[in-house]
Amino acid sequence: IISLFVVGIVLGPIAIVKANRAEREFNTSATVGKVTGWIGTIF
């Protein structure tokens, strides 16, 4: 969410990595973090 407004090129990929780790290692849904991370990265 923060990456949508400031420093999206830095915070977006970090959000994506953390969301992937939560889904892969702990089987926890992190779709919101992944989607907003991608949108922040693109912006």
PDB file of all heavy atoms in Angstrom:
ATOM      1  N   ILE A   1       0.842  -1.206   0.000  1.00  0.00           N
ATOM      2  CA  ILE A   1       0.000   0.000   0.000  1.00  0.00           C
ATOM      3  C   ILE A   1       0.873   1.251   0.000  1.00  0.00           C
ATOM      4  O   ILE A   1       0.604   2.207  -0.736  1.00  0.00           O
ATOM      5  CB  ILE A   1      -0.957  -0.021   1.202  1.00  0.00           C
ATOM      6  CG1 ILE A   1      -2.011  -1.123   1.005  1.00  0.00           C
ATOM      7  CG2 ILE A   1      -1.643   1.328   1.388  1.00  0.00           C
ATOM      8  CD1 ILE A   1      -2.885  -1.383   2.209  1.00  0.00           C
ATOM      9  N   ILE A   2       1.932   1.252   0.800  1.00  0.00           N
ATOM     10  CA  ILE A   2       2.831   2.415   0.826  1.00  0.00           C
ATOM     11  C   ILE A   2       3.513   2.588  -0.528  1.00  0.00           C
ATOM     12  O   ILE A   2       3.736   3.715  -0.989  1.00  0.00           O
ATOM     13  CB  ILE A   2       3.868   2.279   1.963  1.00  0.00           C
ATOM     14  CG1 ILE A   2       3.163   2.355   3.314  1.00  0.00           C
ATOM     15  CG2 ILE A   2       4.934   3.363   1.873  1.00  0.00           C
ATOM     16  CD1 ILE A   2       4.062   2.056   4.495  1.00  0.00           C
ATOM     17  N   SER A   3       3.830   1.466  -1.201  1.00  0.00           N
ATOM     18  CA  SER A   3       4.508   1.554  -2.498  1.00  0.00           C
ATOM     19  C   SER A   3       3.637   2.193  -3.574  1.00  0.00           C
ATOM     20  O   SER A   3       4.156   2.631  -4.597  1.00  0.00           O
ATOM     21  CB  SER A   3       4.960   0.166  -2.951  1.00  0.00           C
ATOM     22  OG  SER A   3       3.860  -0.612  -3.393  1.00  0.00           O
ATOM     23  N   LEU A   4       2.331   2.250  -3.346  1.00  0.00           N
ATOM     24  CA  LEU A   4       1.466   2.921  -4.317  1.00  0.00           C
ATOM     25  C   LEU A   4       1.701   4.428  -4.333  1.00  0.00           C
ATOM     26  O   LEU A   4       1.392   5.095  -5.317  1.00  0.00           O
ATOM     27  CB  LEU A   4      -0.004   2.645  -3.989  1.00  0.00           C
ATOM     28  CG  LEU A   4      -0.473   1.196  -4.101  1.00  0.00           C
ATOM     29  CD1 LEU A   4      -1.895   1.062  -3.605  1.00  0.00           C
ATOM     30  CD2 LEU A   4      -0.343   0.699  -5.520  1.00  0.00           C
ATOM     31  N   PHE A   5       2.222   4.967  -3.223  1.00  0.00           N
ATOM     32  CA  PHE A   5       2.347   6.413  -3.099  1.00  0.00           C
ATOM     33  C   PHE A   5       3.789   6.907  -3.083  1.00  0.00           C
ATOM     34  O   PHE A   5       4.066   7.995  -3.587  1.00  0.00           O
ATOM     35  CB  PHE A   5       1.627   6.878  -1.825  1.00  0.00           C
ATOM     36  CG  PHE A   5       0.181   6.477  -1.804  1.00  0.00           C
ATOM     37  CD1 PHE A   5      -0.238   5.417  -1.035  1.00  0.00           C
ATOM     38  CD2 PHE A   5      -0.747   7.136  -2.587  1.00  0.00           C
ATOM     39  CE1 PHE A   5      -1.568   5.039  -1.020  1.00  0.00           C
ATOM     40  CE2 PHE A   5      -2.079   6.765  -2.592  1.00  0.00           C
ATOM     41  CZ  PHE A   5      -2.486   5.712  -1.807  1.00  0.00           C
ATOM     42  N   VAL A   6       4.699   6.179  -2.467  1.00  0.00           N
ATOM     43  CA  VAL A   6       6.093   6.630  -2.390  1.00  0.00           C
ATOM     44  C   VAL A   6       7.031   5.465  -2.655  1.00  0.00           C
ATOM     45  O   VAL A   6       6.774   4.347  -2.241  1.00  0.00           O
ATOM     46  CB  VAL A   6       6.432   7.236  -1.008  1.00  0.00           C
ATOM     47  CG1 VAL A   6       5.718   8.547  -0.793  1.00  0.00           C
ATOM     48  CG2 VAL A   6       6.124   6.296   0.114  1.00  0.00           C
ATOM     49  N   VAL A   7       8.114   5.717  -3.342  1.00  0.00           N
ATOM     50  CA  VAL A   7       9.214   4.785  -3.591  1.00  0.00           C
ATOM     51  C   VAL A   7       8.706   3.398  -3.999  1.00  0.00           C
ATOM     52  O   VAL A   7       9.151   2.382  -3.468  1.00  0.00           O
ATOM     53  CB  VAL A   7      10.153   4.689  -2.357  1.00  0.00           C
ATOM     54  CG1 VAL A   7      11.496   4.142  -2.781  1.00  0.00           C
ATOM     55  CG2 VAL A   7      10.336   5.999  -1.662  1.00  0.00           C
ATOM     56  N   GLY A   8       7.788   3.372  -4.942  1.00  0.00           N
ATOM     57  CA  GLY A   8       7.204   2.104  -5.372  1.00  0.00           C
ATOM     58  C   GLY A   8       8.191   1.164  -6.011  1.00  0.00           C
ATOM     59  O   GLY A   8       8.052  -0.053  -5.922  1.00  0.00           O
ATOM     60  N   ILE A   9       9.221   1.720  -6.641  1.00  0.00           N
ATOM     61  CA  ILE A   9      10.199   0.878  -7.320  1.00  0.00           C
ATOM     62  C   ILE A   9      11.056   0.110  -6.312  1.00  0.00           C
ATOM     63  O   ILE A   9      11.662  -0.896  -6.646  1.00  0.00           O
ATOM     64  CB  ILE A   9      11.054   1.714  -8.292  1.00  0.00           C
ATOM     65  CG1 ILE A   9      11.670   0.815  -9.342  1.00  0.00           C
ATOM     66  CG2 ILE A   9      12.081   2.537  -7.555  1.00  0.00           C
ATOM     67  CD1 ILE A   9      12.158   1.534 -10.555  1.00  0.00           C
ATOM     68  N   VAL A  10      11.084   0.563  -5.049  1.00  0.00           N
ATOM     69  CA  VAL A  10      11.846  -0.122  -4.004  1.00  0.00           C
ATOM     70  C   VAL A  10      10.918  -0.969  -3.124  1.00  0.00           C
ATOM     71  O   VAL A  10      11.176  -2.152  -2.878  1.00  0.00           O
ATOM     72  CB  VAL A  10      12.626   0.899  -3.139  1.00  0.00           C
ATOM     73  CG1 VAL A  10      13.310   0.214  -1.980  1.00  0.00           C
ATOM     74  CG2 VAL A  10      13.611   1.666  -3.984  1.00  0.00           C
ATOM     75  N   LEU A  11       9.836  -0.367  -2.634  1.00  0.00           N
ATOM     76  CA  LEU A  11       8.962  -1.058  -1.688  1.00  0.00           C
ATOM     77  C   LEU A  11       8.086  -2.124  -2.354  1.00  0.00           C
ATOM     78  O   LEU A  11       7.723  -3.112  -1.716  1.00  0.00           O
ATOM     79  CB  LEU A  11       8.070  -0.050  -0.952  1.00  0.00           C
ATOM     80  CG  LEU A  11       8.791   0.951  -0.061  1.00  0.00           C
ATOM     81  CD1 LEU A  11       7.802   1.899   0.596  1.00  0.00           C
ATOM     82  CD2 LEU A  11       9.612   0.239   0.984  1.00  0.00           C
ATOM     83  N   GLY A  12       7.745  -1.933  -3.619  1.00  0.00           N
ATOM     84  CA  GLY A  12       6.914  -2.903  -4.329  1.00  0.00           C
ATOM     85  C   GLY A  12       7.548  -4.285  -4.412  1.00  0.00           C
ATOM     86  O   GLY A  12       6.919  -5.284  -4.037  1.00  0.00           O
ATOM     87  N   PRO A  13       8.793  -4.392  -4.893  1.00  0.00           N
ATOM     88  CA  PRO A  13       9.427  -5.716  -4.941  1.00  0.00           C
ATOM     89  C   PRO A  13       9.613  -6.348  -3.560  1.00  0.00           C
ATOM     90  O   PRO A  13       9.510  -7.568  -3.409  1.00  0.00           O
ATOM     91  CB  PRO A  13      10.780  -5.444  -5.605  1.00  0.00           C
ATOM     92  CG  PRO A  13      10.556  -4.230  -6.421  1.00  0.00           C
ATOM     93  CD  PRO A  13       9.570  -3.406  -5.642  1.00  0.00           C
ATOM     94  N   ILE A  14       9.878  -5.527  -2.534  1.00  0.00           N
ATOM     95  CA  ILE A  14      10.003  -6.077  -1.177  1.00  0.00           C
ATOM     96  C   ILE A  14       8.668  -6.675  -0.741  1.00  0.00           C
ATOM     97  O   ILE A  14       8.626  -7.759  -0.140  1.00  0.00           O
ATOM     98  CB  ILE A  14      10.482  -4.988  -0.199  1.00  0.00           C
ATOM     99  CG1 ILE A  14      11.895  -4.541  -0.551  1.00  0.00           C
ATOM    100  CG2 ILE A  14      10.443  -5.498   1.237  1.00  0.00           C
ATOM    101  CD1 ILE A  14      12.380  -3.344   0.230  1.00  0.00           C
ATOM    102  N   ALA A  15       7.572  -5.986  -1.053  1.00  0.00           N
ATOM    103  CA  ALA A  15       6.245  -6.503  -0.708  1.00  0.00           C
ATOM    104  C   ALA A  15       5.963  -7.812  -1.434  1.00  0.00           C
ATOM    105  O   ALA A  15       5.404  -8.748  -0.858  1.00  0.00           O
ATOM    106  CB  ALA A  15       5.174  -5.460  -1.045  1.00  0.00           C
ATOM    107  N   ILE A  16       6.369  -7.900  -2.690  1.00  0.00           N
ATOM    108  CA  ILE A  16       6.149  -9.119  -3.475  1.00  0.00           C
ATOM    109  C   ILE A  16       6.943 -10.281  -2.893  1.00  0.00           C
ATOM    110  O   ILE A  16       6.427 -11.399  -2.749  1.00  0.00           O
ATOM    111  CB  ILE A  16       6.519  -8.881  -4.957  1.00  0.00           C
ATOM    112  CG1 ILE A  16       5.576  -7.853  -5.581  1.00  0.00           C
ATOM    113  CG2 ILE A  16       6.483 -10.187  -5.737  1.00  0.00           C
ATOM    114  CD1 ILE A  16       6.021  -7.342  -6.922  1.00  0.00           C
ATOM    115  N   VAL A  17       8.194 -10.036  -2.533  1.00  0.00           N
ATOM    116  CA  VAL A  17       9.039 -11.091  -1.962  1.00  0.00           C
ATOM    117  C   VAL A  17       8.464 -11.587  -0.641  1.00  0.00           C
ATOM    118  O   VAL A  17       8.401 -12.799  -0.384  1.00  0.00           O
ATOM    119  CB  VAL A  17      10.494 -10.585  -1.792  1.00  0.00           C
ATOM    120  CG1 VAL A  17      11.314 -11.533  -0.945  1.00  0.00           C
ATOM    121  CG2 VAL A  17      11.143 -10.385  -3.152  1.00  0.00           C
ATOM    122  N   LYS A  18       8.031 -10.673   0.222  1.00  0.00           N
ATOM    123  CA  LYS A  18       7.459 -11.073   1.515  1.00  0.00           C
ATOM    124  C   LYS A  18       6.151 -11.846   1.321  1.00  0.00           C
ATOM    125  O   LYS A  18       5.887 -12.810   2.030  1.00  0.00           O
ATOM    126  CB  LYS A  18       7.254  -9.857   2.405  1.00  0.00           C
ATOM    127  CG  LYS A  18       8.558  -9.301   2.943  1.00  0.00           C
ATOM    128  CD  LYS A  18       8.321  -8.316   4.045  1.00  0.00           C
ATOM    129  CE  LYS A  18       9.613  -7.803   4.608  1.00  0.00           C
ATOM    130  NZ  LYS A  18      10.374  -8.785   5.351  1.00  0.00           N
ATOM    131  N   ALA A  19       5.326 -11.430   0.368  1.00  0.00           N
ATOM    132  CA  ALA A  19       4.073 -12.136   0.097  1.00  0.00           C
ATOM    133  C   ALA A  19       4.347 -13.543  -0.425  1.00  0.00           C
ATOM    134  O   ALA A  19       3.688 -14.509  -0.009  1.00  0.00           O
ATOM    135  CB  ALA A  19       3.228 -11.349  -0.904  1.00  0.00           C
ATOM    136  N   ASN A  20       5.312 -13.673  -1.325  1.00  0.00           N
ATOM    137  CA  ASN A  20       5.657 -15.005  -1.845  1.00  0.00           C
ATOM    138  C   ASN A  20       6.181 -15.914  -0.742  1.00  0.00           C
ATOM    139  O   ASN A  20       5.859 -17.105  -0.694  1.00  0.00           O
ATOM    140  CB  ASN A  20       6.687 -14.885  -2.968  1.00  0.00           C
ATOM    141  CG  ASN A  20       6.071 -14.394  -4.256  1.00  0.00           C
ATOM    142  OD1 ASN A  20       4.882 -14.538  -4.476  1.00  0.00           O
ATOM    143  ND2 ASN A  20       6.888 -13.783  -5.097  1.00  0.00           N
ATOM    144  N   ARG A  21       6.998 -15.347   0.159  1.00  0.00           N
ATOM    145  CA  ARG A  21       7.533 -16.154   1.266  1.00  0.00           C
ATOM    146  C   ARG A  21       6.412 -16.612   2.201  1.00  0.00           C
ATOM    147  O   ARG A  21       6.406 -17.750   2.659  1.00  0.00           O
ATOM    148  CB  ARG A  21       8.575 -15.349   2.030  1.00  0.00           C
ATOM    149  CG  ARG A  21       9.192 -16.141   3.147  1.00  0.00           C
ATOM    150  CD  ARG A  21      10.366 -15.427   3.775  1.00  0.00           C
ATOM    151  NE  ARG A  21      10.813 -16.199   4.911  1.00  0.00           N
ATOM    152  CZ  ARG A  21      11.100 -15.685   6.091  1.00  0.00           C
ATOM    153  NH1 ARG A  21      11.017 -14.386   6.269  1.00  0.00           N
ATOM    154  NH2 ARG A  21      11.479 -16.448   7.078  1.00  0.00           N
ATOM    155  N   ALA A  22       5.456 -15.715   2.494  1.00  0.00           N
ATOM    156  CA  ALA A  22       4.336 -16.081   3.371  1.00  0.00           C
ATOM    157  C   ALA A  22       3.505 -17.195   2.751  1.00  0.00           C
ATOM    158  O   ALA A  22       3.068 -18.117   3.441  1.00  0.00           O
ATOM    159  CB  ALA A  22       3.455 -14.858   3.640  1.00  0.00           C
ATOM    160  N   GLU A  23       3.300 -17.140   1.438  1.00  0.00           N
ATOM    161  CA  GLU A  23       2.507 -18.173   0.770  1.00  0.00           C
ATOM    162  C   GLU A  23       3.280 -19.482   0.643  1.00  0.00           C
ATOM    163  O   GLU A  23       2.722 -20.557   0.821  1.00  0.00           O
ATOM    164  CB  GLU A  23       2.058 -17.677  -0.604  1.00  0.00           C
ATOM    165  CG  GLU A  23       0.993 -16.609  -0.519  1.00  0.00           C
ATOM    166  CD  GLU A  23       0.553 -16.098  -1.875  1.00  0.00           C
ATOM    167  OE1 GLU A  23       1.273 -16.324  -2.873  1.00  0.00           O
ATOM    168  OE2 GLU A  23      -0.516 -15.466  -1.929  1.00  0.00           O
ATOM    169  N   ARG A  24       4.557 -19.400   0.325  1.00  0.00           N
ATOM    170  CA  ARG A  24       5.352 -20.601   0.084  1.00  0.00           C
ATOM    171  C   ARG A  24       5.699 -21.335   1.378  1.00  0.00           C
ATOM    172  O   ARG A  24       5.494 -22.542   1.486  1.00  0.00           O
ATOM    173  CB  ARG A  24       6.620 -20.227  -0.688  1.00  0.00           C
ATOM    174  CG  ARG A  24       7.500 -21.397  -1.048  1.00  0.00           C
ATOM    175  CD  ARG A  24       8.763 -20.975  -1.808  1.00  0.00           C
ATOM    176  NE  ARG A  24       9.568 -20.046  -1.028  1.00  0.00           N
ATOM    177  CZ  ARG A  24       9.745 -18.751  -1.333  1.00  0.00           C
ATOM    178  NH1 ARG A  24       9.177 -18.253  -2.404  1.00  0.00           N
ATOM    179  NH2 ARG A  24      10.485 -17.966  -0.581  1.00  0.00           N
ATOM    180  N   GLU A  25       6.224 -20.624   2.368  1.00  0.00           N
ATOM    181  CA  GLU A  25       6.732 -21.276   3.573  1.00  0.00           C
ATOM    182  C   GLU A  25       5.668 -21.536   4.627  1.00  0.00           C
ATOM    183  O   GLU A  25       5.760 -22.501   5.374  1.00  0.00           O
ATOM    184  CB  GLU A  25       7.855 -20.430   4.191  1.00  0.00           C
ATOM    185  CG  GLU A  25       9.104 -20.384   3.342  1.00  0.00           C
ATOM    186  CD  GLU A  25      10.202 -19.541   3.966  1.00  0.00           C
ATOM    187  OE1 GLU A  25      10.104 -19.224   5.164  1.00  0.00           O
ATOM    188  OE2 GLU A  25      11.153 -19.202   3.242  1.00  0.00           O
ATOM    189  N   PHE A  26       4.659 -20.661   4.706  1.00  0.00           N
ATOM    190  CA  PHE A  26       3.691 -20.777   5.793  1.00  0.00           C
ATOM    191  C   PHE A  26       2.270 -21.038   5.312  1.00  0.00           C
ATOM    192  O   PHE A  26       1.340 -21.087   6.123  1.00  0.00           O
ATOM    193  CB  PHE A  26       3.721 -19.506   6.649  1.00  0.00           C
ATOM    194  CG  PHE A  26       5.075 -19.230   7.224  1.00  0.00           C
ATOM    195  CD1 PHE A  26       5.874 -18.216   6.716  1.00  0.00           C
ATOM    196  CD2 PHE A  26       5.567 -19.997   8.265  1.00  0.00           C
ATOM    197  CE1 PHE A  26       7.127 -17.971   7.241  1.00  0.00           C
ATOM    198  CE2 PHE A  26       6.815 -19.753   8.793  1.00  0.00           C
ATOM    199  CZ  PHE A  26       7.596 -18.741   8.282  1.00  0.00           C
ATOM    200  N   ASN A  27       2.084 -21.151   4.000  1.00  0.00           N
ATOM    201  CA  ASN A  27       0.770 -21.437   3.422  1.00  0.00           C
ATOM    202  C   ASN A  27      -0.275 -20.428   3.894  1.00  0.00           C
ATOM    203  O   ASN A  27      -1.397 -20.777   4.247  1.00  0.00           O
ATOM    204  CB  ASN A  27       0.333 -22.869   3.745  1.00  0.00           C
ATOM    205  CG  ASN A  27      -0.736 -23.358   2.805  1.00  0.00           C
ATOM    206  OD1 ASN A  27      -0.875 -22.840   1.698  1.00  0.00           O
ATOM    207  ND2 ASN A  27      -1.498 -24.347   3.240  1.00  0.00           N
ATOM    208  N   THR A  28       0.123 -19.152   3.925  1.00  0.00           N
ATOM    209  CA  THR A  28      -0.757 -18.066   4.332  1.00  0.00           C
ATOM    210  C   THR A  28      -1.058 -17.212   3.117  1.00  0.00           C
ATOM    211  O   THR A  28      -0.156 -16.834   2.378  1.00  0.00           O
ATOM    212  CB  THR A  28      -0.070 -17.201   5.415  1.00  0.00           C
ATOM    213  OG1 THR A  28       0.273 -18.041   6.505  1.00  0.00           O
ATOM    214  CG2 THR A  28      -0.978 -16.101   5.899  1.00  0.00           C
ATOM    215  N   SER A  29      -2.315 -16.891   2.903  1.00  0.00           N
ATOM    216  CA  SER A  29      -2.703 -16.082   1.758  1.00  0.00           C
ATOM    217  C   SER A  29      -2.185 -14.657   1.925  1.00  0.00           C
ATOM    218  O   SER A  29      -2.405 -14.024   2.956  1.00  0.00           O
ATOM    219  CB  SER A  29      -4.225 -16.070   1.620  1.00  0.00           C
ATOM    220  OG  SER A  29      -4.593 -15.244   0.541  1.00  0.00           O
ATOM    221  N   ALA A  30      -1.496 -14.150   0.908  1.00  0.00           N
ATOM    222  CA  ALA A  30      -0.952 -12.795   0.929  1.00  0.00           C
ATOM    223  C   ALA A  30      -1.218 -12.112  -0.407  1.00  0.00           C
ATOM    224  O   ALA A  30      -0.368 -11.399  -0.943  1.00  0.00           O
ATOM    225  CB  ALA A  30       0.536 -12.833   1.242  1.00  0.00           C
ATOM    226  N   THR A  31      -2.397 -12.304  -0.940  1.00  0.00           N
ATOM    227  CA  THR A  31      -2.747 -11.791  -2.262  1.00  0.00           C
ATOM    228  C   THR A  31      -2.743 -10.269  -2.296  1.00  0.00           C
ATOM    229  O   THR A  31      -2.271  -9.670  -3.270  1.00  0.00           O
ATOM    230  CB  THR A  31      -4.129 -12.320  -2.678  1.00  0.00           C
ATOM    231  OG1 THR A  31      -4.110 -13.740  -2.575  1.00  0.00           O
ATOM    232  CG2 THR A  31      -4.472 -11.909  -4.084  1.00  0.00           C
ATOM    233  N   VAL A  32      -3.251  -9.628  -1.247  1.00  0.00           N
ATOM    234  CA  VAL A  32      -3.316  -8.166  -1.236  1.00  0.00           C
ATOM    235  C   VAL A  32      -1.918  -7.562  -1.314  1.00  0.00           C
ATOM    236  O   VAL A  32      -1.674  -6.621  -2.069  1.00  0.00           O
ATOM    237  CB  VAL A  32      -4.064  -7.673   0.028  1.00  0.00           C
ATOM    238  CG1 VAL A  32      -4.020  -6.160   0.119  1.00  0.00           C
ATOM    239  CG2 VAL A  32      -5.486  -8.160   0.027  1.00  0.00           C
ATOM    240  N   GLY A  33      -0.982  -8.110  -0.542  1.00  0.00           N
ATOM    241  CA  GLY A  33       0.385  -7.607  -0.575  1.00  0.00           C
ATOM    242  C   GLY A  33       1.038  -7.800  -1.929  1.00  0.00           C
ATOM    243  O   GLY A  33       1.775  -6.936  -2.406  1.00  0.00           O
ATOM    244  N   LYS A  34       0.747  -8.946  -2.541  1.00  0.00           N
ATOM    245  CA  LYS A  34       1.346  -9.232  -3.843  1.00  0.00           C
ATOM    246  C   LYS A  34       0.788  -8.293  -4.926  1.00  0.00           C
ATOM    247  O   LYS A  34       1.543  -7.732  -5.721  1.00  0.00           O
ATOM    248  CB  LYS A  34       1.077 -10.689  -4.220  1.00  0.00           C
ATOM    249  CG  LYS A  34       1.927 -11.177  -5.361  1.00  0.00           C
ATOM    250  CD  LYS A  34       1.612 -12.598  -5.735  1.00  0.00           C
ATOM    251  CE  LYS A  34       1.993 -13.558  -4.629  1.00  0.00           C
ATOM    252  NZ  LYS A  34       1.806 -14.949  -5.019  1.00  0.00           N
ATOM    253  N   VAL A  35      -0.517  -8.107  -4.939  1.00  0.00           N
ATOM    254  CA  VAL A  35      -1.142  -7.263  -5.967  1.00  0.00           C
ATOM    255  C   VAL A  35      -0.734  -5.806  -5.791  1.00  0.00           C
ATOM    256  O   VAL A  35      -0.336  -5.143  -6.758  1.00  0.00           O
ATOM    257  CB  VAL A  35      -2.685  -7.419  -5.922  1.00  0.00           C
ATOM    258  CG1 VAL A  35      -3.370  -6.375  -6.780  1.00  0.00           C
ATOM    259  CG2 VAL A  35      -3.078  -8.810  -6.367  1.00  0.00           C
ATOM    260  N   THR A  36      -0.820  -5.281  -4.562  1.00  0.00           N
ATOM    261  CA  THR A  36      -0.418  -3.889  -4.356  1.00  0.00           C
ATOM    262  C   THR A  36       1.078  -3.703  -4.583  1.00  0.00           C
ATOM    263  O   THR A  36       1.498  -2.637  -5.034  1.00  0.00           O
ATOM    264  CB  THR A  36      -0.814  -3.401  -2.945  1.00  0.00           C
ATOM    265  OG1 THR A  36      -0.258  -4.287  -1.967  1.00  0.00           O
ATOM    266  CG2 THR A  36      -2.313  -3.317  -2.785  1.00  0.00           C
ATOM    267  N   GLY A  37       1.870  -4.732  -4.285  1.00  0.00           N
ATOM    268  CA  GLY A  37       3.302  -4.656  -4.575  1.00  0.00           C
ATOM    269  C   GLY A  37       3.573  -4.543  -6.062  1.00  0.00           C
ATOM    270  O   GLY A  37       4.415  -3.750  -6.494  1.00  0.00           O
ATOM    271  N   TRP A  38       2.864  -5.344  -6.863  1.00  0.00           N
ATOM    272  CA  TRP A  38       3.037  -5.261  -8.319  1.00  0.00           C
ATOM    273  C   TRP A  38       2.581  -3.915  -8.862  1.00  0.00           C
ATOM    274  O   TRP A  38       3.246  -3.304  -9.709  1.00  0.00           O
ATOM    275  CB  TRP A  38       2.288  -6.390  -9.028  1.00  0.00           C
ATOM    276  CG  TRP A  38       3.074  -7.655  -9.097  1.00  0.00           C
ATOM    277  CD1 TRP A  38       2.829  -8.820  -8.430  1.00  0.00           C
ATOM    278  CD2 TRP A  38       4.254  -7.892  -9.867  1.00  0.00           C
ATOM    279  NE1 TRP A  38       3.780  -9.753  -8.736  1.00  0.00           N
ATOM    280  CE2 TRP A  38       4.671  -9.220  -9.619  1.00  0.00           C
ATOM    281  CE3 TRP A  38       5.000  -7.106 -10.735  1.00  0.00           C
ATOM    282  CZ2 TRP A  38       5.803  -9.760 -10.211  1.00  0.00           C
ATOM    283  CZ3 TRP A  38       6.131  -7.662 -11.325  1.00  0.00           C
ATOM    284  CH2 TRP A  38       6.508  -8.976 -11.053  1.00  0.00           C
ATOM    285  N   ILE A  39       1.438  -3.440  -8.380  1.00  0.00           N
ATOM    286  CA  ILE A  39       0.944  -2.138  -8.863  1.00  0.00           C
ATOM    287  C   ILE A  39       1.905  -1.033  -8.452  1.00  0.00           C
ATOM    288  O   ILE A  39       2.221  -0.137  -9.247  1.00  0.00           O
ATOM    289  CB  ILE A  39      -0.483  -1.879  -8.330  1.00  0.00           C
ATOM    290  CG1 ILE A  39      -1.460  -2.882  -8.950  1.00  0.00           C
ATOM    291  CG2 ILE A  39      -0.935  -0.462  -8.637  1.00  0.00           C
ATOM    292  CD1 ILE A  39      -2.841  -2.848  -8.348  1.00  0.00           C
ATOM    293  N   GLY A  40       2.405  -1.075  -7.212  1.00  0.00           N
ATOM    294  CA  GLY A  40       3.378  -0.080  -6.760  1.00  0.00           C
ATOM    295  C   GLY A  40       4.663  -0.130  -7.557  1.00  0.00           C
ATOM    296  O   GLY A  40       5.267   0.909  -7.858  1.00  0.00           O
ATOM    297  N   THR A  41       5.100  -1.344  -7.897  1.00  0.00           N
ATOM    298  CA  THR A  41       6.311  -1.489  -8.713  1.00  0.00           C
ATOM    299  C   THR A  41       6.109  -0.879 -10.093  1.00  0.00           C
ATOM    300  O   THR A  41       6.986  -0.170 -10.613  1.00  0.00           O
ATOM    301  CB  THR A  41       6.702  -2.974  -8.835  1.00  0.00           C
ATOM    302  OG1 THR A  41       6.899  -3.512  -7.528  1.00  0.00           O
ATOM    303  CG2 THR A  41       7.949  -3.153  -9.671  1.00  0.00           C
ATOM    304  N   ILE A  42       4.973  -1.132 -10.687  1.00  0.00           N
ATOM    305  CA  ILE A  42       4.686  -0.583 -12.019  1.00  0.00           C
ATOM    306  C   ILE A  42       4.603   0.943 -11.961  1.00  0.00           C
ATOM    307  O   ILE A  42       5.194   1.642 -12.796  1.00  0.00           O
ATOM    308  CB  ILE A  42       3.401  -1.202 -12.593  1.00  0.00           C
ATOM    309  CG1 ILE A  42       3.635  -2.689 -12.896  1.00  0.00           C
ATOM    310  CG2 ILE A  42       2.923  -0.452 -13.825  1.00  0.00           C
ATOM    311  CD1 ILE A  42       2.374  -3.467 -13.218  1.00  0.00           C
ATOM    312  N   PHE A  43       3.879   1.480 -10.961  1.00  0.00           N
ATOM    313  CA  PHE A  43       3.810   2.935 -10.812  1.00  0.00           C
ATOM    314  C   PHE A  43       5.189   3.526 -10.563  1.00  0.00           C
ATOM    315  O   PHE A  43       5.534   4.576 -11.119  1.00  0.00           O
ATOM    316  CB  PHE A  43       2.874   3.322  -9.666  1.00  0.00           C
ATOM    317  CG  PHE A  43       1.411   3.216  -9.989  1.00  0.00           C
ATOM    318  CD1 PHE A  43       0.479   3.376  -8.988  1.00  0.00           C
ATOM    319  CD2 PHE A  43       0.955   2.961 -11.269  1.00  0.00           C
ATOM    320  CE1 PHE A  43      -0.872   3.279  -9.260  1.00  0.00           C
ATOM    321  CE2 PHE A  43      -0.384   2.862 -11.558  1.00  0.00           C
ATOM    322  CZ  PHE A  43      -1.308   3.029 -10.546  1.00  0.00           C
TER     323      PHE A  43
END
